[in-house]
Amino acid sequence: PLVEDALRTNDTRLVAAAVGPYAARHLPPHDWRHAVLKCLFTGVPLDAVCELDRRAHADAELARMLDDYAGERTAAGRTVPGDLHRVLALAAATAPSAAAAPTAPATPSTGEEQES
């Protein structure tokens, strides 16, 4: 319950703590994917996500979600976090339906476009 509460906040310290080893071992795939998106949404670097490489590898649903998020950011004229493309490459590794090129170029996030 504490991890779930932390992932509902926009406090980057709590979000970063919530995606640690406990989340890597215990969050179900749906919740874990949303935690990854929450990191991107709040500006928490994806390096904070414990076992990101293992959990994201060949995850077609995560690839779809990331691609949709990048498309939404691009359509709104916002930058796409550079971390997104790194994890999208992992998620699309063997997921043929999600292997399409990302919808936006990698651009560093300045943090100014954070949403609440």
Protein backbone atom coordinates (compact mmCIF):
# COMPACT_ATOMS: atom_id res chain seq x y z
CA PRO A 1 0.00 0.00 0.00
CA LEU A 2 2.85 2.45 0.67
CA VAL A 3 4.28 1.92 -2.82
CA GLU A 4 0.85 2.40 -4.37
CA ASP A 5 0.35 5.62 -2.39
CA ALA A 6 3.78 6.91 -3.38
CA LEU A 7 3.04 6.25 -7.05
CA ARG A 8 -0.13 8.35 -6.81
CA THR A 9 1.84 11.44 -5.81
CA ASN A 10 3.83 13.86 -7.91
CA ASP A 11 6.57 14.04 -5.29
CA THR A 12 9.62 12.89 -7.23
CA ARG A 13 11.36 11.65 -4.08
CA LEU A 14 8.46 9.34 -3.28
CA VAL A 15 8.06 8.16 -6.87
CA ALA A 16 11.79 7.38 -7.10
CA ALA A 17 11.67 5.45 -3.83
CA ALA A 18 8.57 3.56 -4.95
CA VAL A 19 10.28 2.08 -8.03
CA GLY A 20 13.04 0.43 -6.03
CA PRO A 21 13.69 -3.27 -5.36
CA TYR A 22 10.29 -3.93 -3.77
CA ALA A 23 8.47 -2.71 -6.89
CA ALA A 24 10.75 -4.76 -9.14
CA ARG A 25 9.81 -7.92 -7.26
CA HIS A 26 6.19 -7.33 -6.32
CA LEU A 27 4.36 -4.91 -8.61
CA PRO A 28 2.20 -6.69 -11.17
CA PRO A 29 3.04 -5.85 -14.81
CA HIS A 30 0.17 -3.36 -15.24
CA ASP A 31 1.11 -1.38 -12.12
CA TRP A 32 4.82 -1.56 -12.92
CA ARG A 33 4.25 -0.16 -16.42
CA HIS A 34 2.29 2.73 -14.98
CA ALA A 35 5.10 3.35 -12.49
CA VAL A 36 7.55 3.67 -15.42
CA LEU A 37 5.22 6.17 -17.09
CA LYS A 38 4.86 8.04 -13.80
CA CYS A 39 8.64 8.42 -13.71
CA LEU A 40 8.64 9.89 -17.21
CA PHE A 41 5.67 12.13 -16.39
CA THR A 42 7.24 13.54 -13.22
CA GLY A 43 10.83 13.72 -14.46
CA VAL A 44 12.24 10.91 -12.33
CA PRO A 45 15.20 9.45 -14.26
CA LEU A 46 14.54 5.88 -15.33
CA ASP A 47 17.84 4.87 -13.77
CA ALA A 48 15.85 4.93 -10.51
CA VAL A 49 13.68 2.01 -11.71
CA CYS A 50 15.15 -1.14 -10.22
CA GLU A 51 15.53 -4.01 -12.71
CA LEU A 52 14.29 -1.84 -15.58
CA ASP A 53 16.21 -3.84 -18.20
CA ARG A 54 14.77 -7.15 -17.03
CA ARG A 55 11.17 -6.04 -16.61
CA ALA A 56 10.99 -3.89 -19.74
CA HIS A 57 12.66 -6.38 -22.10
CA ALA A 58 10.29 -7.39 -24.90
CA ASP A 59 7.24 -5.92 -23.14
CA ALA A 60 4.98 -5.11 -26.10
CA GLU A 61 2.35 -3.43 -23.92
CA LEU A 62 4.95 -1.14 -22.34
CA ALA A 63 6.29 -0.33 -25.81
CA ARG A 64 2.77 0.60 -26.95
CA MET A 65 2.22 2.79 -23.89
CA LEU A 66 5.56 4.56 -24.35
CA ASP A 67 4.91 5.13 -28.03
CA ASP A 68 1.46 6.57 -27.22
CA TYR A 69 2.96 8.84 -24.55
CA ALA A 70 5.63 10.10 -26.97
CA GLY A 71 2.93 10.76 -29.57
CA GLU A 72 0.83 12.73 -27.07
CA ARG A 73 3.83 14.83 -26.00
CA THR A 74 4.77 15.53 -29.62
CA ALA A 75 1.19 16.45 -30.57
CA ALA A 76 1.09 18.88 -27.65
CA GLY A 77 4.37 20.49 -28.76
CA ARG A 78 6.23 19.20 -25.69
CA THR A 79 9.59 17.50 -25.52
CA VAL A 80 9.84 13.75 -25.19
CA PRO A 81 12.08 12.64 -22.31
CA GLY A 82 15.27 11.05 -23.66
CA ASP A 83 14.87 8.19 -21.18
CA LEU A 84 11.72 7.16 -23.03
CA HIS A 85 13.61 6.11 -26.14
CA ARG A 86 16.04 3.99 -24.16
CA VAL A 87 13.31 1.99 -22.47
CA LEU A 88 11.24 1.87 -25.67
CA ALA A 89 14.17 0.14 -27.36
CA LEU A 90 14.25 -2.43 -24.54
CA ALA A 91 10.51 -2.99 -24.61
CA ALA A 92 10.37 -3.31 -28.38
CA ALA A 93 13.41 -5.63 -28.48
CA THR A 94 11.42 -8.64 -29.67
CA ALA A 95 7.94 -7.20 -29.78
CA PRO A 96 7.38 -6.87 -33.55
CA SER A 97 4.14 -4.87 -33.32
CA ALA A 98 5.88 -2.23 -31.20
CA ALA A 99 9.14 -2.11 -33.13
CA ALA A 100 8.13 0.94 -35.16
CA ALA A 101 10.30 4.01 -34.85
CA PRO A 102 9.40 6.38 -32.02
CA THR A 103 7.08 9.22 -32.98
CA ALA A 104 9.43 11.96 -31.79
CA PRO A 105 13.18 12.60 -31.67
CA ALA A 106 14.97 12.26 -28.36
CA THR A 107 15.28 15.62 -26.70
CA PRO A 108 16.47 16.32 -23.20
CA SER A 109 13.76 17.31 -20.80
CA THR A 110 14.33 20.61 -19.04
CA GLY A 111 11.78 19.87 -16.37
CA GLU A 112 9.86 23.03 -17.28
CA GLU A 113 7.12 21.06 -18.97
CA GLN A 114 6.30 18.89 -15.97
CA GLU A 115 2.61 18.41 -15.54
CA SER A 116 0.78 18.04 -12.27
